[in-house]
Amino acid sequence: MNLLLVIFLSMALFAISIVGILARRNALIFFLSIELMLNGANLLFVAFSRHWGNQIGLVWVFFVLVVAAAEAAVGLAIIINLFRLKQLVDVDQYNALRE
């Protein structure tokens, strides 16, 4: 597969996730957009690891996936608790979290 095509695809994933964060004010969309950013970065790690013929990029992908799994567990728990507290997921409504 062409490296330039993979780089373009990774940049497109990253750009779509930035648009998702900036355009929406929903906590779930934020959460999914961050996951999409991490997947775009992982795609670049895998592509360059294959292009250069070493395995270091794949090790970084493993670490990013571990961090993403921990972030998913903690982030989803926070989103569920905030929804139970106020019955909404709009991040503009959560200006004071000490209540």
PDB file of N, CA and C in Angstrom:
ATOM      1  N   MET A   1       0.843  -1.173   0.000  1.00  0.00           N
ATOM      2  CA  MET A   1       0.000   0.000   0.000  1.00  0.00           C
ATOM      3  C   MET A   1       0.891   1.241   0.000  1.00  0.00           C
ATOM      4  N   ASN A   2       0.458   2.252  -0.686  1.00  0.00           N
ATOM      5  CA  ASN A   2       1.235   3.469  -0.822  1.00  0.00           C
ATOM      6  C   ASN A   2       1.283   4.230   0.509  1.00  0.00           C
ATOM      7  N   LEU A   3       2.477   4.654   0.906  1.00  0.00           N
ATOM      8  CA  LEU A   3       2.650   5.352   2.170  1.00  0.00           C
ATOM      9  C   LEU A   3       1.939   6.703   2.160  1.00  0.00           C
ATOM     10  N   LEU A   4       1.944   7.380   1.039  1.00  0.00           N
ATOM     11  CA  LEU A   4       1.289   8.681   0.944  1.00  0.00           C
ATOM     12  C   LEU A   4      -0.225   8.553   1.164  1.00  0.00           C
ATOM     13  N   LEU A   5      -0.811   7.481   0.665  1.00  0.00           N
ATOM     14  CA  LEU A   5      -2.236   7.243   0.863  1.00  0.00           C
ATOM     15  C   LEU A   5      -2.555   7.015   2.340  1.00  0.00           C
ATOM     16  N   VAL A   6      -1.707   6.276   3.021  1.00  0.00           N
ATOM     17  CA  VAL A   6      -1.918   6.005   4.443  1.00  0.00           C
ATOM     18  C   VAL A   6      -1.754   7.290   5.253  1.00  0.00           C
ATOM     19  N   ILE A   7      -0.780   8.116   4.904  1.00  0.00           N
ATOM     20  CA  ILE A   7      -0.589   9.388   5.595  1.00  0.00           C
ATOM     21  C   ILE A   7      -1.814  10.282   5.389  1.00  0.00           C
ATOM     22  N   PHE A   8      -2.319  10.336   4.168  1.00  0.00           N
ATOM     23  CA  PHE A   8      -3.513  11.131   3.900  1.00  0.00           C
ATOM     24  C   PHE A   8      -4.709  10.622   4.688  1.00  0.00           C
ATOM     25  N   LEU A   9      -4.889   9.313   4.759  1.00  0.00           N
ATOM     26  CA  LEU A   9      -5.994   8.732   5.514  1.00  0.00           C
ATOM     27  C   LEU A   9      -5.873   9.048   7.005  1.00  0.00           C
ATOM     28  N   SER A  10      -4.663   8.962   7.521  1.00  0.00           N
ATOM     29  CA  SER A  10      -4.443   9.274   8.926  1.00  0.00           C
ATOM     30  C   SER A  10      -4.723  10.745   9.221  1.00  0.00           C
ATOM     31  N   MET A  11      -4.281  11.627   8.328  1.00  0.00           N
ATOM     32  CA  MET A  11      -4.555  13.051   8.509  1.00  0.00           C
ATOM     33  C   MET A  11      -6.051  13.330   8.403  1.00  0.00           C
ATOM     34  N   ALA A  12      -6.750  12.615   7.534  1.00  0.00           N
ATOM     35  CA  ALA A  12      -8.192  12.798   7.408  1.00  0.00           C
ATOM     36  C   ALA A  12      -8.914  12.359   8.680  1.00  0.00           C
ATOM     37  N   LEU A  13      -8.503  11.232   9.259  1.00  0.00           N
ATOM     38  CA  LEU A  13      -9.094  10.785  10.520  1.00  0.00           C
ATOM     39  C   LEU A  13      -8.868  11.810  11.626  1.00  0.00           C
ATOM     40  N   PHE A  14      -7.657  12.344  11.679  1.00  0.00           N
ATOM     41  CA  PHE A  14      -7.326  13.323  12.702  1.00  0.00           C
ATOM     42  C   PHE A  14      -8.130  14.604  12.494  1.00  0.00           C
ATOM     43  N   ALA A  15      -8.261  15.056  11.247  1.00  0.00           N
ATOM     44  CA  ALA A  15      -9.011  16.282  10.962  1.00  0.00           C
ATOM     45  C   ALA A  15     -10.497  16.108  11.263  1.00  0.00           C
ATOM     46  N   ILE A  16     -11.048  14.957  10.939  1.00  0.00           N
ATOM     47  CA  ILE A  16     -12.460  14.697  11.240  1.00  0.00           C
ATOM     48  C   ILE A  16     -12.686  14.724  12.750  1.00  0.00           C
ATOM     49  N   SER A  17     -11.745  14.192  13.504  1.00  0.00           N
ATOM     50  CA  SER A  17     -11.912  14.196  14.956  1.00  0.00           C
ATOM     51  C   SER A  17     -11.784  15.605  15.530  1.00  0.00           C
ATOM     52  N   ILE A  18     -10.928  16.442  14.967  1.00  0.00           N
ATOM     53  CA  ILE A  18     -10.829  17.826  15.435  1.00  0.00           C
ATOM     54  C   ILE A  18     -12.123  18.573  15.136  1.00  0.00           C
ATOM     55  N   VAL A  19     -12.693  18.351  13.970  1.00  0.00           N
ATOM     56  CA  VAL A  19     -13.978  18.969  13.634  1.00  0.00           C
ATOM     57  C   VAL A  19     -15.067  18.477  14.587  1.00  0.00           C
ATOM     58  N   GLY A  20     -15.031  17.209  14.931  1.00  0.00           N
ATOM     59  CA  GLY A  20     -15.998  16.668  15.884  1.00  0.00           C
ATOM     60  C   GLY A  20     -15.904  17.307  17.245  1.00  0.00           C
ATOM     61  N   ILE A  21     -14.690  17.617  17.687  1.00  0.00           N
ATOM     62  CA  ILE A  21     -14.523  18.266  18.984  1.00  0.00           C
ATOM     63  C   ILE A  21     -14.955  19.726  18.928  1.00  0.00           C
ATOM     64  N   LEU A  22     -14.593  20.412  17.859  1.00  0.00           N
ATOM     65  CA  LEU A  22     -14.897  21.842  17.784  1.00  0.00           C
ATOM     66  C   LEU A  22     -16.357  22.129  17.433  1.00  0.00           C
ATOM     67  N   ALA A  23     -16.997  21.273  16.672  1.00  0.00           N
ATOM     68  CA  ALA A  23     -18.350  21.556  16.200  1.00  0.00           C
ATOM     69  C   ALA A  23     -19.430  21.121  17.189  1.00  0.00           C
ATOM     70  N   ARG A  24     -19.204  20.093  17.940  1.00  0.00           N
ATOM     71  CA  ARG A  24     -20.227  19.563  18.844  1.00  0.00           C
ATOM     72  C   ARG A  24     -19.873  19.870  20.290  1.00  0.00           C
ATOM     73  N   ARG A  25     -20.873  19.975  21.117  1.00  0.00           N
ATOM     74  CA  ARG A  25     -20.666  20.203  22.542  1.00  0.00           C
ATOM     75  C   ARG A  25     -21.183  19.024  23.360  1.00  0.00           C
ATOM     76  N   ASN A  26     -21.150  17.857  22.777  1.00  0.00           N
ATOM     77  CA  ASN A  26     -21.637  16.660  23.425  1.00  0.00           C
ATOM     78  C   ASN A  26     -20.449  15.883  23.993  1.00  0.00           C
ATOM     79  N   ALA A  27     -20.566  15.438  25.229  1.00  0.00           N
ATOM     80  CA  ALA A  27     -19.462  14.736  25.877  1.00  0.00           C
ATOM     81  C   ALA A  27     -19.146  13.413  25.178  1.00  0.00           C
ATOM     82  N   LEU A  28     -20.154  12.742  24.680  1.00  0.00           N
ATOM     83  CA  LEU A  28     -19.915  11.475  23.979  1.00  0.00           C
ATOM     84  C   LEU A  28     -19.181  11.706  22.655  1.00  0.00           C
ATOM     85  N   ILE A  29     -19.502  12.794  21.963  1.00  0.00           N
ATOM     86  CA  ILE A  29     -18.807  13.111  20.722  1.00  0.00           C
ATOM     87  C   ILE A  29     -17.353  13.470  21.025  1.00  0.00           C
ATOM     88  N   PHE A  30     -17.105  14.198  22.113  1.00  0.00           N
ATOM     89  CA  PHE A  30     -15.727  14.472  22.532  1.00  0.00           C
ATOM     90  C   PHE A  30     -14.962  13.174  22.738  1.00  0.00           C
ATOM     91  N   PHE A  31     -15.594  12.289  23.454  1.00  0.00           N
ATOM     92  CA  PHE A  31     -14.989  11.007  23.796  1.00  0.00           C
ATOM     93  C   PHE A  31     -14.648  10.200  22.540  1.00  0.00           C
ATOM     94  N   LEU A  32     -15.588  10.113  21.616  1.00  0.00           N
ATOM     95  CA  LEU A  32     -15.353   9.372  20.379  1.00  0.00           C
ATOM     96  C   LEU A  32     -14.328  10.067  19.486  1.00  0.00           C
ATOM     97  N   SER A  33     -14.299  11.387  19.505  1.00  0.00           N
ATOM     98  CA  SER A  33     -13.331  12.121  18.693  1.00  0.00           C
ATOM     99  C   SER A  33     -11.905  11.911  19.198  1.00  0.00           C
ATOM    100  N   ILE A  34     -11.735  11.853  20.491  1.00  0.00           N
ATOM    101  CA  ILE A  34     -10.403  11.584  21.037  1.00  0.00           C
ATOM    102  C   ILE A  34      -9.944  10.179  20.662  1.00  0.00           C
ATOM    103  N   GLU A  35     -10.858   9.222  20.696  1.00  0.00           N
ATOM    104  CA  GLU A  35     -10.515   7.866  20.266  1.00  0.00           C
ATOM    105  C   GLU A  35     -10.134   7.837  18.788  1.00  0.00           C
ATOM    106  N   LEU A  36     -10.831   8.622  17.976  1.00  0.00           N
ATOM    107  CA  LEU A  36     -10.517   8.691  16.549  1.00  0.00           C
ATOM    108  C   LEU A  36      -9.144   9.321  16.314  1.00  0.00           C
ATOM    109  N   MET A  37      -8.785  10.315  17.118  1.00  0.00           N
ATOM    110  CA  MET A  37      -7.438  10.909  17.032  1.00  0.00           C
ATOM    111  C   MET A  37      -6.363   9.874  17.343  1.00  0.00           C
ATOM    112  N   LEU A  38      -6.587   9.105  18.381  1.00  0.00           N
ATOM    113  CA  LEU A  38      -5.610   8.077  18.744  1.00  0.00           C
ATOM    114  C   LEU A  38      -5.487   7.021  17.655  1.00  0.00           C
ATOM    115  N   ASN A  39      -6.589   6.679  17.016  1.00  0.00           N
ATOM    116  CA  ASN A  39      -6.534   5.704  15.927  1.00  0.00           C
ATOM    117  C   ASN A  39      -5.816   6.259  14.709  1.00  0.00           C
ATOM    118  N   GLY A  40      -5.974   7.542  14.428  1.00  0.00           N
ATOM    119  CA  GLY A  40      -5.224   8.163  13.339  1.00  0.00           C
ATOM    120  C   GLY A  40      -3.725   8.130  13.600  1.00  0.00           C
ATOM    121  N   ALA A  41      -3.334   8.407  14.842  1.00  0.00           N
ATOM    122  CA  ALA A  41      -1.919   8.339  15.203  1.00  0.00           C
ATOM    123  C   ALA A  41      -1.406   6.901  15.121  1.00  0.00           C
ATOM    124  N   ASN A  42      -2.217   5.937  15.544  1.00  0.00           N
ATOM    125  CA  ASN A  42      -1.816   4.535  15.460  1.00  0.00           C
ATOM    126  C   ASN A  42      -1.614   4.095  14.016  1.00  0.00           C
ATOM    127  N   LEU A  43      -2.457   4.571  13.126  1.00  0.00           N
ATOM    128  CA  LEU A  43      -2.310   4.237  11.717  1.00  0.00           C
ATOM    129  C   LEU A  43      -0.971   4.736  11.178  1.00  0.00           C
ATOM    130  N   LEU A  44      -0.573   5.933  11.584  1.00  0.00           N
ATOM    131  CA  LEU A  44       0.739   6.449  11.162  1.00  0.00           C
ATOM    132  C   LEU A  44       1.879   5.619  11.746  1.00  0.00           C
ATOM    133  N   PHE A  45       1.768   5.241  13.016  1.00  0.00           N
ATOM    134  CA  PHE A  45       2.804   4.407  13.632  1.00  0.00           C
ATOM    135  C   PHE A  45       2.975   3.096  12.868  1.00  0.00           C
ATOM    136  N   VAL A  46       1.868   2.452  12.528  1.00  0.00           N
ATOM    137  CA  VAL A  46       1.941   1.179  11.814  1.00  0.00           C
ATOM    138  C   VAL A  46       2.505   1.365  10.412  1.00  0.00           C
ATOM    139  N   ALA A  47       2.084   2.427   9.735  1.00  0.00           N
ATOM    140  CA  ALA A  47       2.557   2.662   8.365  1.00  0.00           C
ATOM    141  C   ALA A  47       4.052   2.922   8.329  1.00  0.00           C
ATOM    142  N   PHE A  48       4.543   3.777   9.206  1.00  0.00           N
ATOM    143  CA  PHE A  48       5.972   4.064   9.204  1.00  0.00           C
ATOM    144  C   PHE A  48       6.797   2.898   9.735  1.00  0.00           C
ATOM    145  N   SER A  49       6.232   2.125  10.642  1.00  0.00           N
ATOM    146  CA  SER A  49       6.931   0.935  11.109  1.00  0.00           C
ATOM    147  C   SER A  49       7.115  -0.065   9.964  1.00  0.00           C
ATOM    148  N   ARG A  50       6.082  -0.220   9.165  1.00  0.00           N
ATOM    149  CA  ARG A  50       6.190  -1.125   8.025  1.00  0.00           C
ATOM    150  C   ARG A  50       7.110  -0.562   6.943  1.00  0.00           C
ATOM    151  N   HIS A  51       7.048   0.743   6.734  1.00  0.00           N
ATOM    152  CA  HIS A  51       7.869   1.374   5.697  1.00  0.00           C
ATOM    153  C   HIS A  51       9.361   1.282   6.034  1.00  0.00           C
ATOM    154  N   TRP A  52       9.715   1.515   7.291  1.00  0.00           N
ATOM    155  CA  TRP A  52      11.121   1.478   7.687  1.00  0.00           C
ATOM    156  C   TRP A  52      11.594   0.084   8.084  1.00  0.00           C
ATOM    157  N   GLY A  53      10.684  -0.841   8.243  1.00  0.00           N
ATOM    158  CA  GLY A  53      11.074  -2.224   8.509  1.00  0.00           C
ATOM    159  C   GLY A  53      11.479  -2.510   9.938  1.00  0.00           C
ATOM    160  N   ASN A  54      11.063  -1.694  10.888  1.00  0.00           N
ATOM    161  CA  ASN A  54      11.368  -1.993  12.287  1.00  0.00           C
ATOM    162  C   ASN A  54      10.074  -2.170  13.074  1.00  0.00           C
ATOM    163  N   GLN A  55      10.184  -2.637  14.293  1.00  0.00           N
ATOM    164  CA  GLN A  55       9.017  -2.960  15.105  1.00  0.00           C
ATOM    165  C   GLN A  55       8.732  -1.936  16.187  1.00  0.00           C
ATOM    166  N   ILE A  56       9.486  -0.853  16.243  1.00  0.00           N
ATOM    167  CA  ILE A  56       9.319   0.137  17.312  1.00  0.00           C
ATOM    168  C   ILE A  56       7.954   0.814  17.212  1.00  0.00           C
ATOM    169  N   GLY A  57       7.497   1.093  15.999  1.00  0.00           N
ATOM    170  CA  GLY A  57       6.185   1.703  15.823  1.00  0.00           C
ATOM    171  C   GLY A  57       5.064   0.831  16.348  1.00  0.00           C
ATOM    172  N   LEU A  58       5.212  -0.477  16.197  1.00  0.00           N
ATOM    173  CA  LEU A  58       4.183  -1.395  16.699  1.00  0.00           C
ATOM    174  C   LEU A  58       4.161  -1.428  18.223  1.00  0.00           C
ATOM    175  N   VAL A  59       5.314  -1.253  18.844  1.00  0.00           N
ATOM    176  CA  VAL A  59       5.367  -1.168  20.306  1.00  0.00           C
ATOM    177  C   VAL A  59       4.640   0.091  20.778  1.00  0.00           C
ATOM    178  N   TRP A  60       4.829   1.201  20.072  1.00  0.00           N
ATOM    179  CA  TRP A  60       4.132   2.437  20.415  1.00  0.00           C
ATOM    180  C   TRP A  60       2.624   2.285  20.232  1.00  0.00           C
ATOM    181  N   VAL A  61       2.213   1.565  19.205  1.00  0.00           N
ATOM    182  CA  VAL A  61       0.783   1.317  19.003  1.00  0.00           C
ATOM    183  C   VAL A  61       0.216   0.551  20.185  1.00  0.00           C
ATOM    184  N   PHE A  62       0.956  -0.424  20.682  1.00  0.00           N
ATOM    185  CA  PHE A  62       0.501  -1.171  21.855  1.00  0.00           C
ATOM    186  C   PHE A  62       0.319  -0.253  23.051  1.00  0.00           C
ATOM    187  N   PHE A  63       1.275   0.638  23.301  1.00  0.00           N
ATOM    188  CA  PHE A  63       1.156   1.563  24.427  1.00  0.00           C
ATOM    189  C   PHE A  63      -0.005   2.531  24.245  1.00  0.00           C
ATOM    190  N   VAL A  64      -0.212   3.017  23.037  1.00  0.00           N
ATOM    191  CA  VAL A  64      -1.334   3.924  22.782  1.00  0.00           C
ATOM    192  C   VAL A  64      -2.654   3.200  22.993  1.00  0.00           C
ATOM    193  N   LEU A  65      -2.748   1.954  22.576  1.00  0.00           N
ATOM    194  CA  LEU A  65      -3.978   1.188  22.784  1.00  0.00           C
ATOM    195  C   LEU A  65      -4.242   0.929  24.262  1.00  0.00           C
ATOM    196  N   VAL A  66      -3.195   0.702  25.039  1.00  0.00           N
ATOM    197  CA  VAL A  66      -3.367   0.511  26.486  1.00  0.00           C
ATOM    198  C   VAL A  66      -3.874   1.796  27.124  1.00  0.00           C
ATOM    199  N   VAL A  67      -3.294   2.928  26.748  1.00  0.00           N
ATOM    200  CA  VAL A  67      -3.747   4.212  27.288  1.00  0.00           C
ATOM    201  C   VAL A  67      -5.175   4.505  26.836  1.00  0.00           C
ATOM    202  N   ALA A  68      -5.499   4.186  25.589  1.00  0.00           N
ATOM    203  CA  ALA A  68      -6.854   4.422  25.084  1.00  0.00           C
ATOM    204  C   ALA A  68      -7.873   3.553  25.821  1.00  0.00           C
ATOM    205  N   ALA A  69      -7.499   2.338  26.162  1.00  0.00           N
ATOM    206  CA  ALA A  69      -8.419   1.471  26.902  1.00  0.00           C
ATOM    207  C   ALA A  69      -8.656   2.015  28.313  1.00  0.00           C
ATOM    208  N   ALA A  70      -7.604   2.480  28.957  1.00  0.00           N
ATOM    209  CA  ALA A  70      -7.764   3.071  30.287  1.00  0.00           C
ATOM    210  C   ALA A  70      -8.585   4.358  30.211  1.00  0.00           C
ATOM    211  N   GLU A  71      -8.327   5.156  29.194  1.00  0.00           N
ATOM    212  CA  GLU A  71      -9.083   6.400  29.004  1.00  0.00           C
ATOM    213  C   GLU A  71     -10.543   6.100  28.717  1.00  0.00           C
ATOM    214  N   ALA A  72     -10.800   5.056  27.969  1.00  0.00           N
ATOM    215  CA  ALA A  72     -12.180   4.687  27.660  1.00  0.00           C
ATOM    216  C   ALA A  72     -12.923   4.256  28.920  1.00  0.00           C
ATOM    217  N   ALA A  73     -12.282   3.493  29.752  1.00  0.00           N
ATOM    218  CA  ALA A  73     -12.939   3.030  30.979  1.00  0.00           C
ATOM    219  C   ALA A  73     -13.224   4.193  31.925  1.00  0.00           C
ATOM    220  N   VAL A  74     -12.231   5.026  32.156  1.00  0.00           N
ATOM    221  CA  VAL A  74     -12.406   6.152  33.077  1.00  0.00           C
ATOM    222  C   VAL A  74     -13.340   7.201  32.479  1.00  0.00           C
ATOM    223  N   GLY A  75     -13.156   7.521  31.202  1.00  0.00           N
ATOM    224  CA  GLY A  75     -13.983   8.542  30.565  1.00  0.00           C
ATOM    225  C   GLY A  75     -15.442   8.138  30.497  1.00  0.00           C
ATOM    226  N   LEU A  76     -15.702   6.902  30.152  1.00  0.00           N
ATOM    227  CA  LEU A  76     -17.087   6.450  30.085  1.00  0.00           C
ATOM    228  C   LEU A  76     -17.730   6.433  31.467  1.00  0.00           C
ATOM    229  N   ALA A  77     -16.975   6.077  32.495  1.00  0.00           N
ATOM    230  CA  ALA A  77     -17.513   6.108  33.856  1.00  0.00           C
ATOM    231  C   ALA A  77     -17.851   7.540  34.276  1.00  0.00           C
ATOM    232  N   ILE A  78     -17.005   8.484  33.921  1.00  0.00           N
ATOM    233  CA  ILE A  78     -17.283   9.891  34.248  1.00  0.00           C
ATOM    234  C   ILE A  78     -18.512  10.383  33.502  1.00  0.00           C
ATOM    235  N   ILE A  79     -18.614  10.052  32.221  1.00  0.00           N
ATOM    236  CA  ILE A  79     -19.772  10.485  31.433  1.00  0.00           C
ATOM    237  C   ILE A  79     -21.062   9.882  31.987  1.00  0.00           C
ATOM    238  N   ILE A  80     -21.045   8.624  32.376  1.00  0.00           N
ATOM    239  CA  ILE A  80     -22.239   7.984  32.935  1.00  0.00           C
ATOM    240  C   ILE A  80     -22.629   8.629  34.253  1.00  0.00           C
ATOM    241  N   ASN A  81     -21.651   8.925  35.106  1.00  0.00           N
ATOM    242  CA  ASN A  81     -21.961   9.568  36.385  1.00  0.00           C
ATOM    243  C   ASN A  81     -22.489  10.981  36.196  1.00  0.00           C
ATOM    244  N   LEU A  82     -21.935  11.724  35.248  1.00  0.00           N
ATOM    245  CA  LEU A  82     -22.444  13.067  34.982  1.00  0.00           C
ATOM    246  C   LEU A  82     -23.855  13.016  34.420  1.00  0.00           C
ATOM    247  N   PHE A  83     -24.135  12.030  33.579  1.00  0.00           N
ATOM    248  CA  PHE A  83     -25.490  11.886  33.047  1.00  0.00           C
ATOM    249  C   PHE A  83     -26.474  11.525  34.153  1.00  0.00           C
ATOM    250  N   ARG A  84     -26.068  10.669  35.064  1.00  0.00           N
ATOM    251  CA  ARG A  84     -26.950  10.317  36.176  1.00  0.00           C
ATOM    252  C   ARG A  84     -27.213  11.522  37.076  1.00  0.00           C
ATOM    253  N   LEU A  85     -26.220  12.398  37.204  1.00  0.00           N
ATOM    254  CA  LEU A  85     -26.353  13.552  38.075  1.00  0.00           C
ATOM    255  C   LEU A  85     -27.283  14.608  37.490  1.00  0.00           C
ATOM    256  N   LYS A  86     -27.108  14.956  36.209  1.00  0.00           N
ATOM    257  CA  LYS A  86     -27.860  16.070  35.619  1.00  0.00           C
ATOM    258  C   LYS A  86     -28.744  15.697  34.440  1.00  0.00           C
ATOM    259  N   GLN A  87     -28.748  14.466  34.004  1.00  0.00           N
ATOM    260  CA  GLN A  87     -29.577  13.981  32.905  1.00  0.00           C
ATOM    261  C   GLN A  87     -29.303  14.675  31.576  1.00  0.00           C
ATOM    262  N   LEU A  88     -28.076  15.078  31.332  1.00  0.00           N
ATOM    263  CA  LEU A  88     -27.696  15.639  30.045  1.00  0.00           C
ATOM    264  C   LEU A  88     -26.215  15.412  29.804  1.00  0.00           C
ATOM    265  N   VAL A  89     -25.813  15.499  28.526  1.00  0.00           N
ATOM    266  CA  VAL A  89     -24.418  15.267  28.171  1.00  0.00           C
ATOM    267  C   VAL A  89     -23.795  16.476  27.470  1.00  0.00           C
ATOM    268  N   ASP A  90     -24.449  17.636  27.546  1.00  0.00           N
ATOM    269  CA  ASP A  90     -23.929  18.855  26.945  1.00  0.00           C
ATOM    270  C   ASP A  90     -22.840  19.417  27.856  1.00  0.00           C
ATOM    271  N   VAL A  91     -21.622  19.587  27.340  1.00  0.00           N
ATOM    272  CA  VAL A  91     -20.508  20.005  28.176  1.00  0.00           C
ATOM    273  C   VAL A  91     -20.607  21.461  28.608  1.00  0.00           C
ATOM    274  N   ASP A  92     -21.396  22.272  27.923  1.00  0.00           N
ATOM    275  CA  ASP A  92     -21.570  23.660  28.350  1.00  0.00           C
ATOM    276  C   ASP A  92     -22.347  23.761  29.658  1.00  0.00           C
ATOM    277  N   GLN A  93     -23.132  22.769  29.981  1.00  0.00           N
ATOM    278  CA  GLN A  93     -23.925  22.778  31.201  1.00  0.00           C
ATOM    279  C   GLN A  93     -23.112  22.344  32.437  1.00  0.00           C
ATOM    280  N   TYR A  94     -21.938  21.803  32.220  1.00  0.00           N
ATOM    281  CA  TYR A  94     -21.099  21.326  33.325  1.00  0.00           C
ATOM    282  C   TYR A  94     -20.022  22.351  33.647  1.00  0.00           C
ATOM    283  N   ASN A  95     -20.405  23.558  33.971  1.00  0.00           N
ATOM    284  CA  ASN A  95     -19.393  24.569  34.275  1.00  0.00           C
ATOM    285  C   ASN A  95     -18.917  24.487  35.727  1.00  0.00           C
ATOM    286  N   ALA A  96     -19.668  23.860  36.596  1.00  0.00           N
ATOM    287  CA  ALA A  96     -19.251  23.695  37.986  1.00  0.00           C
ATOM    288  C   ALA A  96     -19.406  22.229  38.354  1.00  0.00           C
ATOM    289  N   LEU A  97     -18.289  21.544  38.508  1.00  0.00           N
ATOM    290  CA  LEU A  97     -18.345  20.113  38.829  1.00  0.00           C
ATOM    291  C   LEU A  97     -18.313  19.838  40.315  1.00  0.00           C
ATOM    292  N   ARG A  98     -18.315  20.857  41.156  1.00  0.00           N
ATOM    293  CA  ARG A  98     -18.244  20.645  42.607  1.00  0.00           C
ATOM    294  C   ARG A  98     -19.597  20.448  43.251  1.00  0.00           C
ATOM    295  N   GLU A  99     -20.668  20.511  42.490  1.00  0.00           N
ATOM    296  CA  GLU A  99     -22.004  20.355  43.048  1.00  0.00           C
ATOM    297  C   GLU A  99     -22.289  18.938  43.423  1.00  0.00           C
TER     298      GLU A  99
END
